C-alpha atoms as a PDB file:
ATOM      1  CA  LEU A   1       2.715 -60.158 -46.334  1.00  0.00           C
ATOM      2  CA  LYS A   2       6.212 -60.748 -47.710  1.00  0.00           C
ATOM      3  CA  ASP A   3       7.720 -59.298 -44.510  1.00  0.00           C
ATOM      4  CA  PHE A   4       6.116 -61.996 -42.344  1.00  0.00           C
ATOM      5  CA  ARG A   5       6.895 -65.675 -41.864  1.00  0.00           C
ATOM      6  CA  LEU A   6       3.746 -67.368 -43.136  1.00  0.00           C
ATOM      7  CA  THR A   7       2.429 -70.861 -42.650  1.00  0.00           C
ATOM      8  CA  GLY A   8      -0.947 -72.462 -43.057  1.00  0.00           C
ATOM      9  CA  THR A   9      -2.945 -75.434 -44.165  1.00  0.00           C
ATOM     10  CA  GLY A  10      -2.001 -77.199 -47.378  1.00  0.00           C
ATOM     11  CA  THR A  11      -4.650 -75.437 -49.437  1.00  0.00           C
ATOM     12  CA  THR A  12      -3.737 -71.990 -48.094  1.00  0.00           C
ATOM     13  CA  CYS A  13      -0.007 -72.522 -48.652  1.00  0.00           C
ATOM     14  CA  LYS A  14      -0.662 -73.515 -52.266  1.00  0.00           C
ATOM     15  CA  MET A  15      -2.579 -70.283 -52.734  1.00  0.00           C
ATOM     16  CA  LEU A  16       0.185 -68.218 -51.082  1.00  0.00           C
ATOM     17  CA  SER A  17       2.800 -69.858 -53.312  1.00  0.00           C
ATOM     18  CA  SER A  18       0.711 -69.170 -56.415  1.00  0.00           C
ATOM     19  CA  ILE A  19       0.917 -65.409 -55.743  1.00  0.00           C
ATOM     20  CA  GLY A  20       4.672 -65.437 -55.127  1.00  0.00           C
ATOM     21  CA  LEU A  21       4.834 -65.717 -51.346  1.00  0.00           C
ATOM     22  CA  GLN A  22       7.071 -68.328 -49.704  1.00  0.00           C
ATOM     23  CA  PRO A  23       5.339 -70.003 -46.733  1.00  0.00           C
ATOM     24  CA  VAL A  24       7.542 -71.769 -44.194  1.00  0.00           C
ATOM     25  CA  GLY A  25       6.154 -75.211 -43.501  1.00  0.00           C
ATOM     26  CA  GLN A  26       2.585 -76.235 -43.979  1.00  0.00           C
ATOM     27  CA  THR A  27       0.028 -78.331 -42.177  1.00  0.00           C
ATOM     28  CA  LYS A  28      -2.457 -80.811 -43.564  1.00  0.00           C
ATOM     29  CA  SER A  29      -5.734 -79.597 -44.981  1.00  0.00           C
ATOM     30  CA  GLY A  30      -7.969 -78.112 -42.254  1.00  0.00           C
ATOM     31  CA  PRO A  31     -10.575 -80.909 -42.101  1.00  0.00           C
ATOM     32  CA  LEU A  32      -7.798 -83.534 -42.109  1.00  0.00           C
ATOM     33  CA  GLY A  33      -6.083 -82.205 -38.979  1.00  0.00           C
ATOM     34  CA  GLY A  34      -4.458 -78.991 -40.182  1.00  0.00           C
ATOM     35  CA  ASP A  35      -6.616 -76.858 -37.881  1.00  0.00           C
ATOM     36  CA  GLN A  36      -5.420 -78.913 -34.891  1.00  0.00           C
ATOM     37  CA  GLU A  37      -1.793 -78.569 -36.024  1.00  0.00           C
ATOM     38  CA  ILE A  38      -2.210 -74.795 -36.098  1.00  0.00           C
ATOM     39  CA  GLY A  39      -3.825 -74.993 -32.650  1.00  0.00           C
ATOM     40  CA  ALA A  40      -0.742 -76.814 -31.377  1.00  0.00           C
ATOM     41  CA  MET A  41       1.437 -74.010 -32.791  1.00  0.00           C
ATOM     42  CA  ILE A  42      -0.647 -71.521 -30.802  1.00  0.00           C
ATOM     43  CA  CYS A  43      -0.102 -73.553 -27.621  1.00  0.00           C
ATOM     44  CA  ARG A  44       3.666 -73.606 -28.277  1.00  0.00           C
ATOM     45  CA  GLU A  45       3.513 -69.813 -28.783  1.00  0.00           C
ATOM     46  CA  GLU A  46       4.887 -70.103 -32.326  1.00  0.00           C
ATOM     47  CA  LEU A  47       2.204 -67.917 -33.941  1.00  0.00           C
ATOM     48  CA  GLN A  48       1.459 -64.236 -33.455  1.00  0.00           C
ATOM     49  CA  GLY A  49      -1.569 -64.043 -35.703  1.00  0.00           C
ATOM     50  CA  ILE A  50      -4.196 -66.150 -37.452  1.00  0.00           C
ATOM     51  CA  PHE A  51      -6.129 -65.123 -40.520  1.00  0.00           C
ATOM     52  CA  PHE A  52      -8.923 -67.617 -41.014  1.00  0.00           C
ATOM     53  CA  PHE A  53     -11.271 -66.507 -43.750  1.00  0.00           C
ATOM     54  CA  ARG A  54     -14.496 -68.437 -44.087  1.00  0.00           C
ATOM     55  CA  ASP A  55     -17.845 -67.899 -45.704  1.00  0.00           C
ATOM     56  CA  PRO A  56     -20.166 -66.919 -42.827  1.00  0.00           C
ATOM     57  CA  LEU A  57     -23.233 -67.964 -44.832  1.00  0.00           C
ATOM     58  CA  SER A  58     -22.081 -71.520 -45.527  1.00  0.00           C
ATOM     59  CA  ALA A  59     -22.017 -74.567 -43.287  1.00  0.00           C
ATOM     60  CA  HIS A  60     -18.608 -76.106 -42.589  1.00  0.00           C
ATOM     61  CA  ALA A  61     -18.125 -79.809 -41.954  1.00  0.00           C
ATOM     62  CA  HIS A  62     -15.294 -79.076 -39.522  1.00  0.00           C
ATOM     63  CA  ILE A  63     -16.926 -76.194 -37.611  1.00  0.00           C
ATOM     64  CA  ALA A  64     -15.922 -77.714 -34.252  1.00  0.00           C
ATOM     65  CA  ASP A  65     -12.268 -77.568 -35.333  1.00  0.00           C
ATOM     66  CA  ILE A  66     -12.640 -73.935 -36.405  1.00  0.00           C
ATOM     67  CA  GLU A  67     -14.284 -72.996 -33.106  1.00  0.00           C
ATOM     68  CA  ALA A  68     -11.530 -74.761 -31.143  1.00  0.00           C
ATOM     69  CA  LEU A  69      -8.897 -72.835 -33.086  1.00  0.00           C
ATOM     70  CA  MET A  70     -10.591 -69.505 -32.364  1.00  0.00           C
ATOM     71  CA  ARG A  71     -10.942 -70.460 -28.676  1.00  0.00           C
ATOM     72  CA  LEU A  72      -7.192 -71.100 -28.468  1.00  0.00           C
ATOM     73  CA  ALA A  73      -6.472 -67.767 -30.159  1.00  0.00           C
ATOM     74  CA  ASP A  74      -8.608 -66.078 -27.496  1.00  0.00           C
ATOM     75  CA  CYS A  75      -6.990 -68.004 -24.641  1.00  0.00           C
ATOM     76  CA  TYR A  76      -3.440 -67.261 -25.778  1.00  0.00           C
ATOM     77  CA  GLN A  77      -4.224 -63.673 -26.854  1.00  0.00           C
ATOM     78  CA  VAL A  78      -3.175 -64.278 -30.477  1.00  0.00           C
ATOM     79  CA  TYR A  79      -4.358 -61.844 -33.135  1.00  0.00           C
ATOM     80  CA  HIS A  80      -7.069 -63.567 -35.175  1.00  0.00           C
ATOM     81  CA  CYS A  81      -9.166 -62.281 -38.019  1.00  0.00           C
ATOM     82  CA  THR A  82     -11.994 -63.878 -39.904  1.00  0.00           C
ATOM     83  CA  ASN A  83     -12.600 -61.177 -42.505  1.00  0.00           C
ATOM     84  CA  TYR A  84     -10.497 -59.054 -44.832  1.00  0.00           C
ATOM     85  CA  ARG A  85     -11.165 -55.717 -43.144  1.00  0.00           C
ATOM     86  CA  SER A  86     -10.028 -56.842 -39.684  1.00  0.00           C
ATOM     87  CA  ALA A  87      -7.048 -58.632 -41.283  1.00  0.00           C
ATOM     88  CA  ALA A  88      -5.965 -55.419 -43.002  1.00  0.00           C
ATOM     89  CA  ALA A  89      -6.119 -53.522 -39.704  1.00  0.00           C
ATOM     90  CA  VAL A  90      -4.161 -56.161 -37.777  1.00  0.00           C
ATOM     91  CA  LEU A  91      -1.558 -56.493 -40.540  1.00  0.00           C
ATOM     92  CA  THR A  92      -1.072 -52.718 -40.502  1.00  0.00           C
ATOM     93  CA  VAL A  93      -0.414 -52.727 -36.749  1.00  0.00           C
ATOM     94  CA  MET A  94       1.875 -55.774 -36.941  1.00  0.00           C
ATOM     95  CA  HIS A  95       3.808 -54.354 -39.913  1.00  0.00           C
ATOM     96  CA  ASP A  96       4.256 -50.958 -38.223  1.00  0.00           C
ATOM     97  CA  ARG A  97       5.662 -52.697 -35.141  1.00  0.00           C
ATOM     98  CA  LEU A  98       7.938 -54.821 -37.317  1.00  0.00           C
ATOM     99  CA  LYS A  99       9.285 -51.707 -39.086  1.00  0.00           C
ATOM    100  CA  THR A 100       9.804 -49.938 -35.746  1.00  0.00           C
ATOM    101  CA  ALA A 101      11.827 -52.893 -34.449  1.00  0.00           C
ATOM    102  CA  ALA A 102      13.884 -53.026 -37.678  1.00  0.00           C
ATOM    103  CA  HIS A 103      14.876 -49.392 -37.187  1.00  0.00           C
ATOM    104  CA  GLY A 104      16.135 -49.876 -33.631  1.00  0.00           C
ATOM    105  CA  GLY A 105      12.851 -49.257 -31.879  1.00  0.00           C
ATOM    106  CA  VAL A 106      11.366 -51.455 -29.225  1.00  0.00           C
ATOM    107  CA  ARG A 107       9.381 -54.348 -30.645  1.00  0.00           C
ATOM    108  CA  ARG A 108       6.291 -54.904 -28.587  1.00  0.00           C
ATOM    109  CA  SER A 109       2.787 -56.104 -28.979  1.00  0.00           C
ATOM    110  CA  VAL A 110      -0.420 -54.516 -27.835  1.00  0.00           C
ATOM    111  CA  ALA A 111      -0.394 -54.773 -24.038  1.00  0.00           C
ATOM    112  CA  LEU A 112      -3.137 -56.604 -22.203  1.00  0.00           C
ATOM    113  CA  PRO A 113      -5.431 -54.281 -20.254  1.00  0.00           C
ATOM    114  CA  GLU A 114      -4.681 -54.049 -16.538  1.00  0.00           C
ATOM    115  CA  GLY A 115      -6.218 -56.949 -14.627  1.00  0.00           C
ATOM    116  CA  VAL A 116      -6.458 -59.198 -17.705  1.00  0.00           C
ATOM    117  CA  ALA A 117      -4.154 -62.185 -17.679  1.00  0.00           C
ATOM    118  CA  GLY A 118      -3.432 -64.509 -20.546  1.00  0.00           C
ATOM    119  CA  LEU A 119      -4.068 -68.234 -20.225  1.00  0.00           C
ATOM    120  CA  LYS A 120      -0.403 -68.937 -19.457  1.00  0.00           C
ATOM    121  CA  GLN A 121      -0.397 -66.582 -16.449  1.00  0.00           C
ATOM    122  CA  LEU A 122      -3.699 -67.945 -15.170  1.00  0.00           C
ATOM    123  CA  THR A 123      -2.658 -71.590 -15.333  1.00  0.00           C
ATOM    124  CA  GLU A 124       0.725 -70.938 -13.734  1.00  0.00           C
ATOM    125  CA  ALA A 125      -0.890 -69.035 -10.872  1.00  0.00           C
ATOM    126  CA  GLN A 126      -3.535 -71.636  -9.994  1.00  0.00           C
ATOM    127  CA  PRO A 127      -2.893 -74.963  -8.263  1.00  0.00           C
ATOM    128  CA  ALA A 128      -3.903 -78.070 -10.182  1.00  0.00           C
ATOM    129  CA  SER A 129      -7.491 -79.148  -9.685  1.00  0.00           C
ATOM    130  CA  PRO A 130      -8.084 -82.683  -8.299  1.00  0.00           C
ATOM    131  CA  GLN A 131      -8.959 -84.107 -11.719  1.00  0.00           C
ATOM    132  CA  HIS A 132      -5.556 -82.944 -13.047  1.00  0.00           C
ATOM    133  CA  GLN A 133      -3.395 -84.186 -10.165  1.00  0.00           C
ATOM    134  CA  ASP A 134      -1.235 -87.271 -10.441  1.00  0.00           C
ATOM    135  CA  PHE A 135      -2.600 -89.963  -8.113  1.00  0.00           C
ATOM    136  CA  THR A 136       0.183 -92.509  -8.597  1.00  0.00           C
ATOM    137  CA  GLU A 137       1.655 -94.089  -5.516  1.00  0.00           C
ATOM    138  CA  ASP A 138       5.222 -93.974  -6.825  1.00  0.00           C
ATOM    139  CA  PRO A 139       6.825 -90.694  -5.604  1.00  0.00           C
ATOM    140  CA  GLN A 140       9.275 -90.652  -8.528  1.00  0.00           C
ATOM    141  CA  ALA A 141       6.434 -91.075 -11.027  1.00  0.00           C
ATOM    142  CA  ALA A 142       4.517 -88.253  -9.353  1.00  0.00           C
ATOM    143  CA  SER A 143       7.429 -85.833  -9.833  1.00  0.00           C
ATOM    144  CA  ALA A 144       8.036 -86.729 -13.489  1.00  0.00           C
ATOM    145  CA  PRO A 145       7.078 -84.031 -15.993  1.00  0.00           C
ATOM    146  CA  GLU A 146       3.679 -84.316 -17.643  1.00  0.00           C
ATOM    147  CA  VAL A 147       3.630 -85.441 -21.256  1.00  0.00           C
ATOM    148  CA  ALA A 148       0.698 -84.625 -23.481  1.00  0.00           C
ATOM    149  CA  VAL A 149      -0.166 -87.283 -26.029  1.00  0.00           C
ATOM    150  CA  GLY A 150      -2.401 -86.664 -29.029  1.00  0.00           C
ATOM    151  CA  GLN A 151      -3.614 -83.626 -30.883  1.00  0.00           C
ATOM    152  CA  VAL A 152      -4.815 -80.349 -29.423  1.00  0.00           C
END
């Protein structure tokens, strides 16, 4: 893990620090908005992987936040693991690719299968639906860039 730039929720970053790792930045605790902050990082394409370990036999008060985070990981084709075995496999692949790039090789990720587009390609290729169009009467306002307000 020391070869990767790590970030996470407040609780996770405290744990990483306690074992000698140096996370860069941290979000709030998951139930207090940290999960949404990580979701925003996915949307800005700042993360390449998510390791979100949870007890599958326990109820979580913020399950909707967890599901939204996993949905974003699927939409943006970000590695995400919810158990230690899958995390070990993904970390092995990511570390091998990192070492290859460090030794002059080509750094690349696992390619999407033919015919499968990521969310970014799909949304750029499709015209806006009527509920997402700007219906202002001012032509200058209609051409202004969209600004998202709030949390993801």
